[in-house]
Amino acid sequence: MIVLFVLEAVMNILSFAFFGVDKRKAITNRWRISEKTLLLISLIGPLGSILGMKLFRHKTKKISFKILVPGFLIIHIVLLIYVFNLL
């Protein structure tokens, strides 16, 4: 059970960092992380992505991010509840 919490925390920290890195690259006009990659990372760490979107004010106007990232978070919550009910 602890391993699951650690894994979830690491995935969300990574997704948060990816949003921060991409925002920094956007500001400095450098090579960017693709939207497809950011969405894939959001799938594995949605809470970090939401926090990154809010804190860095990044991708907040993109409809795909406004819909999919919270949806990924709901999926994570449902899966975590399911897994904890099995244990």
N, C-alpha and C. Protein backbone atom coordinates (compact mmCIF):
# COMPACT_ATOMS: atom_id res chain seq x y z
N MET A 1 0.83 -1.19 0.00
CA MET A 1 0.00 0.00 0.00
C MET A 1 0.88 1.26 0.00
N ILE A 2 1.95 1.23 0.77
CA ILE A 2 2.87 2.37 0.81
C ILE A 2 3.50 2.57 -0.57
N VAL A 3 3.81 1.47 -1.23
CA VAL A 3 4.43 1.55 -2.56
C VAL A 3 3.50 2.28 -3.53
N LEU A 4 2.22 2.03 -3.42
CA LEU A 4 1.25 2.67 -4.30
C LEU A 4 1.22 4.18 -4.06
N PHE A 5 1.26 4.59 -2.79
CA PHE A 5 1.29 6.02 -2.47
C PHE A 5 2.56 6.68 -3.01
N VAL A 6 3.70 6.01 -2.83
CA VAL A 6 4.97 6.56 -3.31
C VAL A 6 4.96 6.67 -4.83
N LEU A 7 4.48 5.64 -5.51
CA LEU A 7 4.41 5.65 -6.97
C LEU A 7 3.50 6.78 -7.46
N GLU A 8 2.37 6.93 -6.83
CA GLU A 8 1.43 8.00 -7.21
C GLU A 8 2.07 9.37 -6.98
N ALA A 9 2.76 9.54 -5.86
CA ALA A 9 3.42 10.81 -5.56
C ALA A 9 4.51 11.12 -6.59
N VAL A 10 5.31 10.15 -6.92
CA VAL A 10 6.40 10.36 -7.89
C VAL A 10 5.83 10.72 -9.26
N MET A 11 4.79 10.05 -9.69
CA MET A 11 4.19 10.34 -10.99
C MET A 11 3.64 11.77 -11.03
N ASN A 12 3.02 12.20 -9.95
CA ASN A 12 2.46 13.55 -9.92
C ASN A 12 3.54 14.62 -9.82
N ILE A 13 4.60 14.35 -9.10
CA ILE A 13 5.73 15.30 -9.04
C ILE A 13 6.35 15.45 -10.42
N LEU A 14 6.51 14.34 -11.13
CA LEU A 14 7.06 14.40 -12.49
C LEU A 14 6.16 15.19 -13.44
N SER A 15 4.87 14.96 -13.36
CA SER A 15 3.97 15.68 -14.26
C SER A 15 3.97 17.17 -13.94
N PHE A 16 4.03 17.52 -12.66
CA PHE A 16 4.12 18.92 -12.26
C PHE A 16 5.39 19.54 -12.84
N ALA A 17 6.50 18.83 -12.73
CA ALA A 17 7.78 19.33 -13.24
C ALA A 17 7.74 19.52 -14.76
N PHE A 18 7.12 18.60 -15.47
CA PHE A 18 7.03 18.71 -16.92
C PHE A 18 6.30 19.99 -17.34
N PHE A 19 5.23 20.32 -16.62
CA PHE A 19 4.50 21.55 -16.93
C PHE A 19 5.36 22.78 -16.65
N GLY A 20 6.12 22.74 -15.57
CA GLY A 20 7.02 23.85 -15.26
C GLY A 20 8.11 24.01 -16.29
N VAL A 21 8.69 22.91 -16.71
CA VAL A 21 9.75 22.95 -17.73
C VAL A 21 9.20 23.48 -19.05
N ASP A 22 8.04 22.99 -19.45
CA ASP A 22 7.46 23.45 -20.72
C ASP A 22 7.11 24.93 -20.67
N LYS A 23 6.61 25.39 -19.54
CA LYS A 23 6.29 26.82 -19.42
C LYS A 23 7.57 27.66 -19.53
N ARG A 24 8.63 27.22 -18.87
CA ARG A 24 9.91 27.94 -18.94
C ARG A 24 10.42 27.97 -20.38
N LYS A 25 10.29 26.86 -21.08
CA LYS A 25 10.72 26.80 -22.48
C LYS A 25 9.86 27.71 -23.35
N ALA A 26 8.59 27.82 -23.04
CA ALA A 26 7.69 28.70 -23.80
C ALA A 26 8.10 30.15 -23.61
N ILE A 27 8.45 30.51 -22.41
CA ILE A 27 8.84 31.90 -22.12
C ILE A 27 10.14 32.26 -22.82
N THR A 28 11.06 31.31 -22.88
CA THR A 28 12.38 31.58 -23.47
C THR A 28 12.47 31.22 -24.95
N ASN A 29 11.33 30.90 -25.56
CA ASN A 29 11.28 30.56 -26.99
C ASN A 29 12.23 29.43 -27.37
N ARG A 30 12.22 28.38 -26.56
CA ARG A 30 13.05 27.21 -26.85
C ARG A 30 12.17 26.03 -27.24
N TRP A 31 12.82 24.94 -27.62
CA TRP A 31 12.12 23.72 -28.00
C TRP A 31 11.18 23.31 -26.89
N ARG A 32 9.96 22.91 -27.26
CA ARG A 32 8.89 22.64 -26.29
C ARG A 32 8.57 21.16 -26.20
N ILE A 33 7.92 20.81 -25.13
CA ILE A 33 7.38 19.47 -24.95
C ILE A 33 6.05 19.43 -25.70
N SER A 34 5.82 18.40 -26.47
CA SER A 34 4.60 18.35 -27.29
C SER A 34 3.37 18.21 -26.40
N GLU A 35 2.24 18.69 -26.92
CA GLU A 35 0.98 18.57 -26.19
C GLU A 35 0.61 17.11 -25.97
N LYS A 36 0.90 16.28 -26.94
CA LYS A 36 0.62 14.85 -26.82
C LYS A 36 1.39 14.26 -25.63
N THR A 37 2.65 14.65 -25.49
CA THR A 37 3.46 14.17 -24.37
C THR A 37 2.94 14.69 -23.04
N LEU A 38 2.57 15.97 -23.00
CA LEU A 38 2.02 16.53 -21.76
C LEU A 38 0.72 15.83 -21.36
N LEU A 39 -0.11 15.51 -22.34
CA LEU A 39 -1.35 14.79 -22.02
C LEU A 39 -1.07 13.37 -21.55
N LEU A 40 -0.08 12.71 -22.15
CA LEU A 40 0.28 11.37 -21.72
C LEU A 40 0.81 11.40 -20.28
N ILE A 41 1.62 12.39 -19.98
CA ILE A 41 2.13 12.54 -18.62
C ILE A 41 0.99 12.88 -17.66
N SER A 42 0.03 13.64 -18.13
CA SER A 42 -1.14 13.96 -17.31
C SER A 42 -1.96 12.72 -17.00
N LEU A 43 -1.95 11.76 -17.90
CA LEU A 43 -2.66 10.51 -17.68
C LEU A 43 -2.06 9.74 -16.51
N ILE A 44 -0.74 9.80 -16.34
CA ILE A 44 -0.11 9.05 -15.24
C ILE A 44 0.03 9.88 -13.97
N GLY A 45 -0.06 11.21 -14.07
CA GLY A 45 0.04 12.06 -12.89
C GLY A 45 -0.87 13.26 -12.99
N PRO A 46 -2.18 13.05 -12.93
CA PRO A 46 -3.12 14.14 -13.19
C PRO A 46 -3.15 15.25 -12.14
N LEU A 47 -2.95 14.91 -10.89
CA LEU A 47 -2.99 15.95 -9.86
C LEU A 47 -1.81 16.92 -10.03
N GLY A 48 -0.64 16.38 -10.31
CA GLY A 48 0.53 17.23 -10.57
C GLY A 48 0.33 18.11 -11.78
N SER A 49 -0.34 17.57 -12.79
CA SER A 49 -0.62 18.35 -14.00
C SER A 49 -1.58 19.49 -13.71
N ILE A 50 -2.62 19.20 -12.95
CA ILE A 50 -3.58 20.26 -12.60
C ILE A 50 -2.89 21.35 -11.80
N LEU A 51 -2.08 20.95 -10.83
CA LEU A 51 -1.36 21.95 -10.03
C LEU A 51 -0.38 22.74 -10.89
N GLY A 52 0.29 22.06 -11.82
CA GLY A 52 1.20 22.75 -12.74
C GLY A 52 0.47 23.71 -13.65
N MET A 53 -0.70 23.31 -14.13
CA MET A 53 -1.49 24.20 -14.98
C MET A 53 -1.87 25.46 -14.22
N LYS A 54 -2.29 25.29 -12.97
CA LYS A 54 -2.73 26.43 -12.17
C LYS A 54 -1.56 27.31 -11.75
N LEU A 55 -0.51 26.71 -11.21
CA LEU A 55 0.61 27.47 -10.69
C LEU A 55 1.38 28.20 -11.79
N PHE A 56 1.66 27.49 -12.88
CA PHE A 56 2.44 28.08 -13.97
C PHE A 56 1.58 28.80 -15.00
N ARG A 57 0.26 28.73 -14.83
CA ARG A 57 -0.68 29.29 -15.81
C ARG A 57 -0.32 28.81 -17.22
N HIS A 58 -0.29 27.50 -17.34
CA HIS A 58 0.16 26.88 -18.58
C HIS A 58 -0.90 25.91 -19.10
N LYS A 59 -1.24 26.05 -20.35
CA LYS A 59 -2.23 25.20 -21.05
C LYS A 59 -3.63 25.34 -20.46
N THR A 60 -3.91 26.43 -19.80
CA THR A 60 -5.21 26.61 -19.15
C THR A 60 -6.32 26.99 -20.13
N LYS A 61 -5.95 27.45 -21.32
CA LYS A 61 -6.97 27.83 -22.30
C LYS A 61 -7.23 26.73 -23.32
N LYS A 62 -6.42 25.69 -23.29
CA LYS A 62 -6.59 24.58 -24.23
C LYS A 62 -7.74 23.69 -23.77
N ILE A 63 -8.75 23.55 -24.62
CA ILE A 63 -9.94 22.76 -24.29
C ILE A 63 -9.56 21.32 -23.95
N SER A 64 -8.63 20.74 -24.72
CA SER A 64 -8.26 19.35 -24.47
C SER A 64 -7.70 19.18 -23.06
N PHE A 65 -6.93 20.13 -22.59
CA PHE A 65 -6.37 20.04 -21.24
C PHE A 65 -7.43 20.32 -20.18
N LYS A 66 -8.34 21.26 -20.46
CA LYS A 66 -9.39 21.60 -19.50
C LYS A 66 -10.34 20.43 -19.27
N ILE A 67 -10.50 19.58 -20.28
CA ILE A 67 -11.43 18.45 -20.16
C ILE A 67 -10.71 17.17 -19.75
N LEU A 68 -9.61 16.85 -20.43
CA LEU A 68 -8.97 15.55 -20.21
C LEU A 68 -8.25 15.44 -18.87
N VAL A 69 -7.53 16.47 -18.47
CA VAL A 69 -6.74 16.35 -17.24
C VAL A 69 -7.63 16.14 -16.00
N PRO A 70 -8.71 16.90 -15.81
CA PRO A 70 -9.60 16.57 -14.69
C PRO A 70 -10.24 15.18 -14.84
N GLY A 71 -10.51 14.78 -16.07
CA GLY A 71 -11.04 13.43 -16.31
C GLY A 71 -10.05 12.36 -15.88
N PHE A 72 -8.77 12.59 -16.18
CA PHE A 72 -7.73 11.65 -15.74
C PHE A 72 -7.67 11.58 -14.22
N LEU A 73 -7.86 12.71 -13.55
CA LEU A 73 -7.85 12.73 -12.09
C LEU A 73 -9.02 11.91 -11.53
N ILE A 74 -10.18 12.05 -12.13
CA ILE A 74 -11.34 11.26 -11.69
C ILE A 74 -11.06 9.77 -11.87
N ILE A 75 -10.47 9.41 -12.99
CA ILE A 75 -10.13 8.00 -13.23
C ILE A 75 -9.16 7.50 -12.16
N HIS A 76 -8.15 8.31 -11.83
CA HIS A 76 -7.19 7.91 -10.80
C HIS A 76 -7.88 7.71 -9.45
N ILE A 77 -8.75 8.62 -9.09
CA ILE A 77 -9.45 8.51 -7.81
C ILE A 77 -10.29 7.25 -7.77
N VAL A 78 -11.02 6.98 -8.83
CA VAL A 78 -11.86 5.77 -8.89
C VAL A 78 -10.99 4.52 -8.79
N LEU A 79 -9.88 4.49 -9.52
CA LEU A 79 -8.99 3.32 -9.47
C LEU A 79 -8.37 3.14 -8.09
N LEU A 80 -7.97 4.24 -7.46
CA LEU A 80 -7.39 4.13 -6.11
C LEU A 80 -8.42 3.62 -5.10
N ILE A 81 -9.64 4.10 -5.19
CA ILE A 81 -10.70 3.60 -4.31
C ILE A 81 -10.92 2.12 -4.54
N TYR A 82 -10.96 1.71 -5.80
CA TYR A 82 -11.15 0.30 -6.13
C TYR A 82 -10.02 -0.54 -5.57
N VAL A 83 -8.78 -0.12 -5.76
CA VAL A 83 -7.62 -0.89 -5.28
C VAL A 83 -7.64 -0.98 -3.76
N PHE A 84 -7.94 0.11 -3.08
CA PHE A 84 -7.95 0.08 -1.61
C PHE A 84 -9.09 -0.77 -1.06
N ASN A 85 -10.17 -0.88 -1.80
CA ASN A 85 -11.25 -1.76 -1.37
C ASN A 85 -10.90 -3.23 -1.54
N LEU A 86 -9.98 -3.51 -2.46
CA LEU A 86 -9.52 -4.90 -2.66
C LEU A 86 -8.57 -5.34 -1.55
N LEU A 87 -7.85 -4.38 -0.97
CA LEU A 87 -6.84 -4.73 0.04
C LEU A 87 -7.41 -5.00 1.38
